[in-house]
Structures are given as structure tokens and as C-alpha cells.
Amino acid sequence: MTGPPPPAQLLAYDASEWQRLVDAAEYDPNRYRPCQNHQPYGEPIVGLDAWREHTARGLWLRARLDWCRAHGWPDGLTGLDLLREEVQARRRPRPGWRYFDAPPRTLASFSGSSD
């Protein structure tokens, strides 16, 4: 099924456009705190800004999938193809993330030996 092309805001994610649709009042920091004896404590692991970004990206992806179901997507892409694109985008290294900045670990680094 091929229909009209999707709106420009569905082709590429723009944080400024989608984050304004997220209601910050829905953020509950207690959902993102560590728990001990079924009680949250300490600082939230996920802050408001990260939650807002994640929620906005989810809205964008949902809108893309809805458009794809209703009208089709250019080049014959399916909803599954759109999900694969999003997974690949999330796997790309992000600056400032320690996981990607750390040197690769070897088997020797786990066993404690120094080769």
C-alpha cells in the first residue's frame, strides 16, 4: 500500500518538536530511584531530561508506525523496517557514554592476569 508521502516531522526525529508534546507532570522520580525494602531512596537513575527525551522519541516512533500502517511508507518499508532503523540508531555510540569510551576488555582483564 503506497499513499501520500509521510509528513516531514516523521522522516527525521527533531527533539524540539516532539519534546514539547511530553507532559513533564507525568514524570515520577520515584519510579526511577533504587529501592530497598520496597521503598525508593537516593537520586533517580533516570532524570527528567532523559525521561522526556525517551518519551518524546517513543511518541515519534509510534506516530511513524501509525502512518506506515495507514498509508504505507516510501520505498516499500514496513513497520518492522522502521523499528529496525530505530534500533540501529540507538546502537550508535553516543559521546560521553563511558561504555563506548572505555578500551575494549579482553579475557585477561577479567581473569586478573596481566598479559
PDB file of N, CA and C in Angstrom:
ATOM      1  N   MET A   1       0.851  -1.166   0.000  1.00  0.00           N
ATOM      2  CA  MET A   1       0.000   0.000   0.000  1.00  0.00           C
ATOM      3  C   MET A   1       0.900   1.233   0.000  1.00  0.00           C
ATOM      4  N   THR A   2       0.774   2.041  -1.021  1.00  0.00           N
ATOM      5  CA  THR A   2       1.572   3.258  -1.107  1.00  0.00           C
ATOM      6  C   THR A   2       0.625   4.434  -1.225  1.00  0.00           C
ATOM      7  N   GLY A   3       0.734   5.356  -0.315  1.00  0.00           N
ATOM      8  CA  GLY A   3      -0.122   6.532  -0.312  1.00  0.00           C
ATOM      9  C   GLY A   3       0.721   7.783  -0.391  1.00  0.00           C
ATOM     10  N   PRO A   4       0.228   8.851   0.182  1.00  0.00           N
ATOM     11  CA  PRO A   4       0.980  10.099   0.177  1.00  0.00           C
ATOM     12  C   PRO A   4       2.261   9.951   0.995  1.00  0.00           C
ATOM     13  N   PRO A   5       3.268  10.773   0.699  1.00  0.00           N
ATOM     14  CA  PRO A   5       4.498  10.700   1.493  1.00  0.00           C
ATOM     15  C   PRO A   5       4.223  11.145   2.935  1.00  0.00           C
ATOM     16  N   PRO A   6       4.968  10.598   3.871  1.00  0.00           N
ATOM     17  CA  PRO A   6       4.751  10.994   5.271  1.00  0.00           C
ATOM     18  C   PRO A   6       5.144  12.448   5.498  1.00  0.00           C
ATOM     19  N   PRO A   7       4.537  13.083   6.500  1.00  0.00           N
ATOM     20  CA  PRO A   7       4.922  14.455   6.840  1.00  0.00           C
ATOM     21  C   PRO A   7       6.402  14.534   7.204  1.00  0.00           C
ATOM     22  N   ALA A   8       6.992  15.684   6.987  1.00  0.00           N
ATOM     23  CA  ALA A   8       8.428  15.882   7.226  1.00  0.00           C
ATOM     24  C   ALA A   8       8.820  15.549   8.657  1.00  0.00           C
ATOM     25  N   GLN A   9       7.967  15.850   9.639  1.00  0.00           N
ATOM     26  CA  GLN A   9       8.329  15.597  11.034  1.00  0.00           C
ATOM     27  C   GLN A   9       8.409  14.112  11.356  1.00  0.00           C
ATOM     28  N   LEU A  10       7.912  13.247  10.468  1.00  0.00           N
ATOM     29  CA  LEU A  10       8.019  11.809  10.687  1.00  0.00           C
ATOM     30  C   LEU A  10       9.243  11.205  10.010  1.00  0.00           C
ATOM     31  N   LEU A  11       9.869  11.941   9.123  1.00  0.00           N
ATOM     32  CA  LEU A  11      11.025  11.406   8.407  1.00  0.00           C
ATOM     33  C   LEU A  11      12.284  11.410   9.261  1.00  0.00           C
ATOM     34  N   ALA A  12      12.468  12.443  10.055  1.00  0.00           N
ATOM     35  CA  ALA A  12      13.655  12.539  10.921  1.00  0.00           C
ATOM     36  C   ALA A  12      13.215  13.074  12.275  1.00  0.00           C
ATOM     37  N   TYR A  13      13.786  12.523  13.326  1.00  0.00           N
ATOM     38  CA  TYR A  13      13.429  12.934  14.688  1.00  0.00           C
ATOM     39  C   TYR A  13      14.004  14.309  14.995  1.00  0.00           C
ATOM     40  N   ASP A  14      13.154  15.200  15.481  1.00  0.00           N
ATOM     41  CA  ASP A  14      13.561  16.529  15.920  1.00  0.00           C
ATOM     42  C   ASP A  14      13.109  16.680  17.372  1.00  0.00           C
ATOM     43  N   ALA A  15      14.075  16.658  18.282  1.00  0.00           N
ATOM     44  CA  ALA A  15      13.755  16.682  19.718  1.00  0.00           C
ATOM     45  C   ALA A  15      12.915  17.892  20.100  1.00  0.00           C
ATOM     46  N   SER A  16      13.217  19.060  19.539  1.00  0.00           N
ATOM     47  CA  SER A  16      12.487  20.271  19.928  1.00  0.00           C
ATOM     48  C   SER A  16      11.010  20.171  19.569  1.00  0.00           C
ATOM     49  N   GLU A  17      10.700  19.479  18.504  1.00  0.00           N
ATOM     50  CA  GLU A  17       9.308  19.351  18.079  1.00  0.00           C
ATOM     51  C   GLU A  17       8.537  18.338  18.918  1.00  0.00           C
ATOM     52  N   TRP A  18       9.175  17.229  19.253  1.00  0.00           N
ATOM     53  CA  TRP A  18       8.466  16.156  19.946  1.00  0.00           C
ATOM     54  C   TRP A  18       8.506  16.312  21.456  1.00  0.00           C
ATOM     55  N   GLN A  19       9.538  16.915  22.029  1.00  0.00           N
ATOM     56  CA  GLN A  19       9.610  17.054  23.485  1.00  0.00           C
ATOM     57  C   GLN A  19       8.548  17.996  24.027  1.00  0.00           C
ATOM     58  N   ARG A  20       8.113  18.943  23.216  1.00  0.00           N
ATOM     59  CA  ARG A  20       7.080  19.855  23.713  1.00  0.00           C
ATOM     60  C   ARG A  20       5.725  19.164  23.867  1.00  0.00           C
ATOM     61  N   LEU A  21       5.576  17.978  23.276  1.00  0.00           N
ATOM     62  CA  LEU A  21       4.341  17.211  23.418  1.00  0.00           C
ATOM     63  C   LEU A  21       4.312  16.363  24.688  1.00  0.00           C
ATOM     64  N   VAL A  22       5.452  16.264  25.369  1.00  0.00           N
ATOM     65  CA  VAL A  22       5.561  15.439  26.569  1.00  0.00           C
ATOM     66  C   VAL A  22       5.216  16.289  27.791  1.00  0.00           C
ATOM     67  N   ASP A  23       4.296  15.787  28.607  1.00  0.00           N
ATOM     68  CA  ASP A  23       3.878  16.476  29.823  1.00  0.00           C
ATOM     69  C   ASP A  23       4.817  16.099  30.969  1.00  0.00           C
ATOM     70  N   ALA A  24       5.608  17.058  31.424  1.00  0.00           N
ATOM     71  CA  ALA A  24       6.582  16.797  32.492  1.00  0.00           C
ATOM     72  C   ALA A  24       5.895  16.391  33.805  1.00  0.00           C
ATOM     73  N   ALA A  25       4.619  16.721  33.966  1.00  0.00           N
ATOM     74  CA  ALA A  25       3.895  16.355  35.188  1.00  0.00           C
ATOM     75  C   ALA A  25       3.722  14.837  35.300  1.00  0.00           C
ATOM     76  N   GLU A  26       3.862  14.121  34.196  1.00  0.00           N
ATOM     77  CA  GLU A  26       3.731  12.668  34.221  1.00  0.00           C
ATOM     78  C   GLU A  26       4.999  11.970  34.729  1.00  0.00           C
ATOM     79  N   TYR A  27       6.091  12.706  34.848  1.00  0.00           N
ATOM     80  CA  TYR A  27       7.350  12.131  35.337  1.00  0.00           C
ATOM     81  C   TYR A  27       7.253  11.902  36.838  1.00  0.00           C
ATOM     82  N   ASP A  28       7.501  10.674  37.254  1.00  0.00           N
ATOM     83  CA  ASP A  28       7.502  10.320  38.675  1.00  0.00           C
ATOM     84  C   ASP A  28       8.901   9.844  39.040  1.00  0.00           C
ATOM     85  N   PRO A  29       9.692  10.685  39.709  1.00  0.00           N
ATOM     86  CA  PRO A  29      11.066  10.295  40.012  1.00  0.00           C
ATOM     87  C   PRO A  29      11.161   9.031  40.862  1.00  0.00           C
ATOM     88  N   ASN A  30      10.149   8.723  41.649  1.00  0.00           N
ATOM     89  CA  ASN A  30      10.197   7.527  42.487  1.00  0.00           C
ATOM     90  C   ASN A  30      10.223   6.238  41.658  1.00  0.00           C
ATOM     91  N   ARG A  31       9.715   6.287  40.436  1.00  0.00           N
ATOM     92  CA  ARG A  31       9.774   5.102  39.558  1.00  0.00           C
ATOM     93  C   ARG A  31      11.203   4.794  39.143  1.00  0.00           C
ATOM     94  N   TYR A  32      12.091   5.779  39.241  1.00  0.00           N
ATOM     95  CA  TYR A  32      13.451   5.630  38.719  1.00  0.00           C
ATOM     96  C   TYR A  32      14.510   5.691  39.820  1.00  0.00           C
ATOM     97  N   ARG A  33      14.094   5.554  41.065  1.00  0.00           N
ATOM     98  CA  ARG A  33      15.039   5.516  42.185  1.00  0.00           C
ATOM     99  C   ARG A  33      15.346   4.063  42.541  1.00  0.00           C
ATOM    100  N   PRO A  34      16.522   3.819  43.101  1.00  0.00           N
ATOM    101  CA  PRO A  34      16.774   2.473  43.630  1.00  0.00           C
ATOM    102  C   PRO A  34      15.792   2.196  44.772  1.00  0.00           C
ATOM    103  N   CYS A  35      15.505   0.933  45.003  1.00  0.00           N
ATOM    104  CA  CYS A  35      14.581   0.557  46.083  1.00  0.00           C
ATOM    105  C   CYS A  35      15.269  -0.361  47.079  1.00  0.00           C
ATOM    106  N   GLN A  36      14.904  -0.172  48.314  1.00  0.00           N
ATOM    107  CA  GLN A  36      15.369  -1.043  49.385  1.00  0.00           C
ATOM    108  C   GLN A  36      14.186  -1.238  50.322  1.00  0.00           C
ATOM    109  N   ASN A  37      13.878  -2.484  50.639  1.00  0.00           N
ATOM    110  CA  ASN A  37      12.705  -2.798  51.449  1.00  0.00           C
ATOM    111  C   ASN A  37      11.436  -2.164  50.855  1.00  0.00           C
ATOM    112  N   HIS A  38      11.328  -2.219  49.553  1.00  0.00           N
ATOM    113  CA  HIS A  38      10.180  -1.709  48.804  1.00  0.00           C
ATOM    114  C   HIS A  38       9.988  -0.204  48.959  1.00  0.00           C
ATOM    115  N   GLN A  39      11.036   0.513  49.310  1.00  0.00           N
ATOM    116  CA  GLN A  39      10.966   1.961  49.450  1.00  0.00           C
ATOM    117  C   GLN A  39      12.029   2.608  48.563  1.00  0.00           C
ATOM    118  N   PRO A  40      11.627   3.592  47.740  1.00  0.00           N
ATOM    119  CA  PRO A  40      12.626   4.290  46.913  1.00  0.00           C
ATOM    120  C   PRO A  40      13.526   5.162  47.785  1.00  0.00           C
ATOM    121  N   TYR A  41      14.785   5.274  47.376  1.00  0.00           N
ATOM    122  CA  TYR A  41      15.731   6.130  48.091  1.00  0.00           C
ATOM    123  C   TYR A  41      16.739   6.690  47.083  1.00  0.00           C
ATOM    124  N   GLY A  42      17.441   7.721  47.496  1.00  0.00           N
ATOM    125  CA  GLY A  42      18.510   8.280  46.675  1.00  0.00           C
ATOM    126  C   GLY A  42      18.009   9.061  45.468  1.00  0.00           C
ATOM    127  N   GLU A  43      18.959   9.360  44.605  1.00  0.00           N
ATOM    128  CA  GLU A  43      18.667  10.128  43.396  1.00  0.00           C
ATOM    129  C   GLU A  43      18.076   9.217  42.319  1.00  0.00           C
ATOM    130  N   PRO A  44      17.162   9.741  41.504  1.00  0.00           N
ATOM    131  CA  PRO A  44      16.625   8.940  40.404  1.00  0.00           C
ATOM    132  C   PRO A  44      17.736   8.541  39.427  1.00  0.00           C
ATOM    133  N   ILE A  45      17.674   7.323  38.933  1.00  0.00           N
ATOM    134  CA  ILE A  45      18.646   6.844  37.956  1.00  0.00           C
ATOM    135  C   ILE A  45      18.389   7.508  36.612  1.00  0.00           C
ATOM    136  N   VAL A  46      17.117   7.771  36.317  1.00  0.00           N
ATOM    137  CA  VAL A  46      16.724   8.458  35.084  1.00  0.00           C
ATOM    138  C   VAL A  46      16.185   9.825  35.471  1.00  0.00           C
ATOM    139  N   GLY A  47      16.860  10.862  35.018  1.00  0.00           N
ATOM    140  CA  GLY A  47      16.432  12.221  35.318  1.00  0.00           C
ATOM    141  C   GLY A  47      15.301  12.677  34.413  1.00  0.00           C
ATOM    142  N   LEU A  48      14.746  13.827  34.718  1.00  0.00           N
ATOM    143  CA  LEU A  48      13.628  14.374  33.959  1.00  0.00           C
ATOM    144  C   LEU A  48      13.984  14.566  32.483  1.00  0.00           C
ATOM    145  N   ASP A  49      15.154  15.111  32.198  1.00  0.00           N
ATOM    146  CA  ASP A  49      15.530  15.368  30.802  1.00  0.00           C
ATOM    147  C   ASP A  49      15.657  14.075  30.000  1.00  0.00           C
ATOM    148  N   ALA A  50      16.279  13.057  30.587  1.00  0.00           N
ATOM    149  CA  ALA A  50      16.420  11.774  29.896  1.00  0.00           C
ATOM    150  C   ALA A  50      15.056  11.116  29.703  1.00  0.00           C
ATOM    151  N   TRP A  51      14.188  11.216  30.700  1.00  0.00           N
ATOM    152  CA  TRP A  51      12.846  10.657  30.586  1.00  0.00           C
ATOM    153  C   TRP A  51      12.066  11.361  29.488  1.00  0.00           C
ATOM    154  N   ARG A  52      12.164  12.675  29.465  1.00  0.00           N
ATOM    155  CA  ARG A  52      11.448  13.455  28.441  1.00  0.00           C
ATOM    156  C   ARG A  52      11.931  13.080  27.046  1.00  0.00           C
ATOM    157  N   GLU A  53      13.257  12.932  26.873  1.00  0.00           N
ATOM    158  CA  GLU A  53      13.819  12.550  25.572  1.00  0.00           C
ATOM    159  C   GLU A  53      13.325  11.164  25.157  1.00  0.00           C
ATOM    160  N   HIS A  54      13.368  10.207  26.085  1.00  0.00           N
ATOM    161  CA  HIS A  54      12.931   8.847  25.790  1.00  0.00           C
ATOM    162  C   HIS A  54      11.441   8.812  25.433  1.00  0.00           C
ATOM    163  N   THR A  55      10.626   9.531  26.186  1.00  0.00           N
ATOM    164  CA  THR A  55       9.188   9.559  25.943  1.00  0.00           C
ATOM    165  C   THR A  55       8.874  10.224  24.608  1.00  0.00           C
ATOM    166  N   ALA A  56       9.563  11.325  24.309  1.00  0.00           N
ATOM    167  CA  ALA A  56       9.339  12.016  23.033  1.00  0.00           C
ATOM    168  C   ALA A  56       9.724  11.132  21.856  1.00  0.00           C
ATOM    169  N   ARG A  57      10.835  10.433  21.983  1.00  0.00           N
ATOM    170  CA  ARG A  57      11.264   9.531  20.911  1.00  0.00           C
ATOM    171  C   ARG A  57      10.252   8.409  20.711  1.00  0.00           C
ATOM    172  N   GLY A  58       9.657   7.932  21.798  1.00  0.00           N
ATOM    173  CA  GLY A  58       8.609   6.922  21.704  1.00  0.00           C
ATOM    174  C   GLY A  58       7.369   7.443  20.991  1.00  0.00           C
ATOM    175  N   LEU A  59       6.994   8.694  21.265  1.00  0.00           N
ATOM    176  CA  LEU A  59       5.862   9.307  20.563  1.00  0.00           C
ATOM    177  C   LEU A  59       6.128   9.399  19.064  1.00  0.00           C
ATOM    178  N   TRP A  60       7.349   9.811  18.721  1.00  0.00           N
ATOM    179  CA  TRP A  60       7.729   9.942  17.310  1.00  0.00           C
ATOM    180  C   TRP A  60       7.676   8.584  16.613  1.00  0.00           C
ATOM    181  N   LEU A  61       8.236   7.574  17.251  1.00  0.00           N
ATOM    182  CA  LEU A  61       8.249   6.244  16.650  1.00  0.00           C
ATOM    183  C   LEU A  61       6.829   5.712  16.490  1.00  0.00           C
ATOM    184  N   ARG A  62       5.994   5.912  17.506  1.00  0.00           N
ATOM    185  CA  ARG A  62       4.600   5.469  17.422  1.00  0.00           C
ATOM    186  C   ARG A  62       3.875   6.174  16.285  1.00  0.00           C
ATOM    187  N   ALA A  63       4.117   7.476  16.110  1.00  0.00           N
ATOM    188  CA  ALA A  63       3.489   8.229  15.019  1.00  0.00           C
ATOM    189  C   ALA A  63       3.949   7.702  13.660  1.00  0.00           C
ATOM    190  N   ARG A  64       5.232   7.370  13.538  1.00  0.00           N
ATOM    191  CA  ARG A  64       5.748   6.798  12.286  1.00  0.00           C
ATOM    192  C   ARG A  64       5.076   5.462  11.970  1.00  0.00           C
ATOM    193  N   LEU A  65       4.952   4.606  12.985  1.00  0.00           N
ATOM    194  CA  LEU A  65       4.330   3.304  12.780  1.00  0.00           C
ATOM    195  C   LEU A  65       2.851   3.450  12.418  1.00  0.00           C
ATOM    196  N   ASP A  66       2.156   4.372  13.061  1.00  0.00           N
ATOM    197  CA  ASP A  66       0.747   4.608  12.742  1.00  0.00           C
ATOM    198  C   ASP A  66       0.591   5.079  11.300  1.00  0.00           C
ATOM    199  N   TRP A  67       1.469   5.989  10.874  1.00  0.00           N
ATOM    200  CA  TRP A  67       1.417   6.480   9.492  1.00  0.00           C
ATOM    201  C   TRP A  67       1.701   5.333   8.522  1.00  0.00           C
ATOM    202  N   CYS A  68       2.667   4.530   8.838  1.00  0.00           N
ATOM    203  CA  CYS A  68       3.037   3.403   7.981  1.00  0.00           C
ATOM    204  C   CYS A  68       1.869   2.422   7.840  1.00  0.00           C
ATOM    205  N   ARG A  69       1.184   2.135   8.936  1.00  0.00           N
ATOM    206  CA  ARG A  69       0.034   1.219   8.879  1.00  0.00           C
ATOM    207  C   ARG A  69      -1.090   1.799   8.029  1.00  0.00           C
ATOM    208  N   ALA A  70      -1.317   3.098   8.155  1.00  0.00           N
ATOM    209  CA  ALA A  70      -2.443   3.736   7.467  1.00  0.00           C
ATOM    210  C   ALA A  70      -2.162   4.008   5.992  1.00  0.00           C
ATOM    211  N   HIS A  71      -0.924   4.396   5.652  1.00  0.00           N
ATOM    212  CA  HIS A  71      -0.648   4.881   4.298  1.00  0.00           C
ATOM    213  C   HIS A  71       0.485   4.157   3.593  1.00  0.00           C
ATOM    214  N   GLY A  72       1.223   3.315   4.282  1.00  0.00           N
ATOM    215  CA  GLY A  72       2.427   2.741   3.699  1.00  0.00           C
ATOM    216  C   GLY A  72       3.593   3.705   3.876  1.00  0.00           C
ATOM    217  N   TRP A  73       4.780   3.246   3.549  1.00  0.00           N
ATOM    218  CA  TRP A  73       5.982   4.070   3.702  1.00  0.00           C
ATOM    219  C   TRP A  73       6.737   4.075   2.378  1.00  0.00           C
ATOM    220  N   PRO A  74       7.404   5.175   2.045  1.00  0.00           N
ATOM    221  CA  PRO A  74       8.157   5.215   0.789  1.00  0.00           C
ATOM    222  C   PRO A  74       9.148   4.054   0.688  1.00  0.00           C
ATOM    223  N   ASP A  75       9.441   3.655  -0.499  1.00  0.00           N
ATOM    224  CA  ASP A  75      10.368   2.558  -0.810  1.00  0.00           C
ATOM    225  C   ASP A  75       9.867   1.209  -0.298  1.00  0.00           C
ATOM    226  N   GLY A  76       8.589   1.119   0.037  1.00  0.00           N
ATOM    227  CA  GLY A  76       8.027  -0.147   0.455  1.00  0.00           C
ATOM    228  C   GLY A  76       8.456  -0.624   1.827  1.00  0.00           C
ATOM    229  N   LEU A  77       8.982   0.270   2.663  1.00  0.00           N
ATOM    230  CA  LEU A  77       9.386  -0.132   4.012  1.00  0.00           C
ATOM    231  C   LEU A  77       8.161  -0.508   4.837  1.00  0.00           C
ATOM    232  N   THR A  78       8.335  -1.468   5.721  1.00  0.00           N
ATOM    233  CA  THR A  78       7.260  -1.899   6.610  1.00  0.00           C
ATOM    234  C   THR A  78       7.505  -1.323   8.010  1.00  0.00           C
ATOM    235  N   GLY A  79       6.535  -1.534   8.878  1.00  0.00           N
ATOM    236  CA  GLY A  79       6.704  -1.110  10.266  1.00  0.00           C
ATOM    237  C   GLY A  79       7.904  -1.773  10.903  1.00  0.00           C
ATOM    238  N   LEU A  80       8.146  -3.031  10.571  1.00  0.00           N
ATOM    239  CA  LEU A  80       9.311  -3.743  11.099  1.00  0.00           C
ATOM    240  C   LEU A  80      10.610  -3.090  10.628  1.00  0.00           C
ATOM    241  N   ASP A  81      10.640  -2.649   9.374  1.00  0.00           N
ATOM    242  CA  ASP A  81      11.823  -1.946   8.863  1.00  0.00           C
ATOM    243  C   ASP A  81      12.069  -0.648   9.635  1.00  0.00           C
ATOM    244  N   LEU A  82      10.996   0.060   9.960  1.00  0.00           N
ATOM    245  CA  LEU A  82      11.137   1.306  10.722  1.00  0.00           C
ATOM    246  C   LEU A  82      11.662   1.019  12.126  1.00  0.00           C
ATOM    247  N   LEU A  83      11.180  -0.058  12.737  1.00  0.00           N
ATOM    248  CA  LEU A  83      11.686  -0.438  14.060  1.00  0.00           C
ATOM    249  C   LEU A  83      13.165  -0.811  13.985  1.00  0.00           C
ATOM    250  N   ARG A  84      13.558  -1.519  12.950  1.00  0.00           N
ATOM    251  CA  ARG A  84      14.971  -1.875  12.786  1.00  0.00           C
ATOM    252  C   ARG A  84      15.832  -0.630  12.655  1.00  0.00           C
ATOM    253  N   GLU A  85      15.362   0.365  11.897  1.00  0.00           N
ATOM    254  CA  GLU A  85      16.109   1.629  11.767  1.00  0.00           C
ATOM    255  C   GLU A  85      16.314   2.273  13.137  1.00  0.00           C
ATOM    256  N   GLU A  86      15.268   2.281  13.948  1.00  0.00           N
ATOM    257  CA  GLU A  86      15.361   2.907  15.266  1.00  0.00           C
ATOM    258  C   GLU A  86      16.334   2.147  16.164  1.00  0.00           C
ATOM    259  N   VAL A  87      16.302   0.832  16.133  1.00  0.00           N
ATOM    260  CA  VAL A  87      17.228   0.033  16.943  1.00  0.00           C
ATOM    261  C   VAL A  87      18.662   0.325  16.515  1.00  0.00           C
ATOM    262  N   GLN A  88      18.918   0.383  15.221  1.00  0.00           N
ATOM    263  CA  GLN A  88      20.268   0.680  14.735  1.00  0.00           C
ATOM    264  C   GLN A  88      20.708   2.074  15.171  1.00  0.00           C
ATOM    265  N   ALA A  89      19.796   3.035  15.143  1.00  0.00           N
ATOM    266  CA  ALA A  89      20.140   4.402  15.568  1.00  0.00           C
ATOM    267  C   ALA A  89      20.490   4.424  17.055  1.00  0.00           C
ATOM    268  N   ARG A  90      19.794   3.650  17.860  1.00  0.00           N
ATOM    269  CA  ARG A  90      20.073   3.629  19.299  1.00  0.00           C
ATOM    270  C   ARG A  90      21.361   2.888  19.622  1.00  0.00           C
ATOM    271  N   ARG A  91      21.815   2.035  18.734  1.00  0.00           N
ATOM    272  CA  ARG A  91      23.061   1.297  18.969  1.00  0.00           C
ATOM    273  C   ARG A  91      24.292   2.113  18.630  1.00  0.00           C
ATOM    274  N   ARG A  92      24.150   3.219  17.944  1.00  0.00           N
ATOM    275  CA  ARG A  92      25.314   4.030  17.578  1.00  0.00           C
ATOM    276  C   ARG A  92      25.942   4.618  18.841  1.00  0.00           C
ATOM    277  N   PRO A  93      27.259   4.696  18.878  1.00  0.00           N
ATOM    278  CA  PRO A  93      27.929   5.273  20.050  1.00  0.00           C
ATOM    279  C   PRO A  93      27.493   6.716  20.279  1.00  0.00           C
ATOM    280  N   ARG A  94      27.320   7.046  21.535  1.00  0.00           N
ATOM    281  CA  ARG A  94      26.954   8.416  21.901  1.00  0.00           C
ATOM    282  C   ARG A  94      28.098   9.024  22.690  1.00  0.00           C
ATOM    283  N   PRO A  95      28.498  10.231  22.354  1.00  0.00           N
ATOM    284  CA  PRO A  95      29.606  10.869  23.085  1.00  0.00           C
ATOM    285  C   PRO A  95      29.272  10.999  24.572  1.00  0.00           C
ATOM    286  N   GLY A  96      30.260  10.754  25.385  1.00  0.00           N
ATOM    287  CA  GLY A  96      30.076  10.914  26.821  1.00  0.00           C
ATOM    288  C   GLY A  96      29.616   9.650  27.531  1.00  0.00           C
ATOM    289  N   TRP A  97      29.264   8.617  26.805  1.00  0.00           N
ATOM    290  CA  TRP A  97      28.864   7.374  27.440  1.00  0.00           C
ATOM    291  C   TRP A  97      30.115   6.587  27.744  1.00  0.00           C
ATOM    292  N   ARG A  98      30.318   6.239  29.006  1.00  0.00           N
ATOM    293  CA  ARG A  98      31.531   5.537  29.410  1.00  0.00           C
ATOM    294  C   ARG A  98      31.689   4.205  28.689  1.00  0.00           C
ATOM    295  N   TYR A  99      30.589   3.533  28.433  1.00  0.00           N
ATOM    296  CA  TYR A  99      30.672   2.217  27.811  1.00  0.00           C
ATOM    297  C   TYR A  99      31.442   2.286  26.494  1.00  0.00           C
ATOM    298  N   PHE A 100      31.187   3.302  25.706  1.00  0.00           N
ATOM    299  CA  PHE A 100      31.828   3.407  24.404  1.00  0.00           C
ATOM    300  C   PHE A 100      33.215   4.042  24.487  1.00  0.00           C
ATOM    301  N   ASP A 101      33.481   4.799  25.545  1.00  0.00           N
ATOM    302  CA  ASP A 101      34.775   5.453  25.688  1.00  0.00           C
ATOM    303  C   ASP A 101      35.823   4.533  26.304  1.00  0.00           C
ATOM    304  N   ALA A 102      35.375   3.461  26.944  1.00  0.00           N
ATOM    305  CA  ALA A 102      36.304   2.559  27.627  1.00  0.00           C
ATOM    306  C   ALA A 102      37.058   1.709  26.605  1.00  0.00           C
ATOM    307  N   PRO A 103      38.296   1.352  26.914  1.00  0.00           N
ATOM    308  CA  PRO A 103      39.027   0.470  25.998  1.00  0.00           C
ATOM    309  C   PRO A 103      38.378  -0.908  25.989  1.00  0.00           C
ATOM    310  N   PRO A 104      38.524  -1.637  24.897  1.00  0.00           N
ATOM    311  CA  PRO A 104      37.922  -2.970  24.842  1.00  0.00           C
ATOM    312  C   PRO A 104      38.511  -3.880  25.908  1.00  0.00           C
ATOM    313  N   ARG A 105      37.664  -4.721  26.480  1.00  0.00           N
ATOM    314  CA  ARG A 105      38.123  -5.640  27.524  1.00  0.00           C
ATOM    315  C   ARG A 105      38.524  -6.954  26.882  1.00  0.00           C
ATOM    316  N   THR A 106      39.534  -7.559  27.451  1.00  0.00           N
ATOM    317  CA  THR A 106      39.997  -8.850  26.963  1.00  0.00           C
ATOM    318  C   THR A 106      39.729  -9.895  28.021  1.00  0.00           C
ATOM    319  N   LEU A 107      39.870 -11.133  27.652  1.00  0.00           N
ATOM    320  CA  LEU A 107      39.688 -12.216  28.609  1.00  0.00           C
ATOM    321  C   LEU A 107      40.680 -12.071  29.762  1.00  0.00           C
ATOM    322  N   ALA A 108      41.891 -11.627  29.480  1.00  0.00           N
ATOM    323  CA  ALA A 108      42.904 -11.458  30.533  1.00  0.00           C
ATOM    324  C   ALA A 108      42.460 -10.411  31.555  1.00  0.00           C
ATOM    325  N   SER A 109      41.744  -9.375  31.118  1.00  0.00           N
ATOM    326  CA  SER A 109      41.322  -8.338  32.063  1.00  0.00           C
ATOM    327  C   SER A 109      40.280  -8.878  33.041  1.00  0.00           C
ATOM    328  N   PHE A 110      39.550  -9.899  32.655  1.00  0.00           N
ATOM    329  CA  PHE A 110      38.567 -10.497  33.552  1.00  0.00           C
ATOM    330  C   PHE A 110      39.225 -11.451  34.543  1.00  0.00           C
ATOM    331  N   SER A 111      40.271 -12.136  34.125  1.00  0.00           N
ATOM    332  CA  SER A 111      40.884 -13.140  34.990  1.00  0.00           C
ATOM    333  C   SER A 111      41.903 -12.538  35.951  1.00  0.00           C
ATOM    334  N   GLY A 112      42.235 -11.276  35.744  1.00  0.00           N
ATOM    335  CA  GLY A 112      43.179 -10.632  36.650  1.00  0.00           C
ATOM    336  C   GLY A 112      44.605 -10.797  36.246  1.00  0.00           C
ATOM    337  N   SER A 113      44.903 -11.562  35.208  1.00  0.00           N
ATOM    338  CA  SER A 113      46.282 -11.739  34.776  1.00  0.00           C
ATOM    339  C   SER A 113      46.702 -10.563  33.896  1.00  0.00           C
ATOM    340  N   SER A 114      47.968 -10.301  33.865  1.00  0.00           N
ATOM    341  CA  SER A 114      48.463  -9.207  33.032  1.00  0.00           C
ATOM    342  C   SER A 114      49.308  -9.779  31.916  1.00  0.00           C
ATOM    343  N   ASP A 115      48.733  -9.853  30.746  1.00  0.00           N
ATOM    344  CA  ASP A 115      49.456 -10.397  29.589  1.00  0.00           C
ATOM    345  C   ASP A 115      50.319  -9.341  28.949  1.00  0.00           C
TER     346      ASP A 115
END
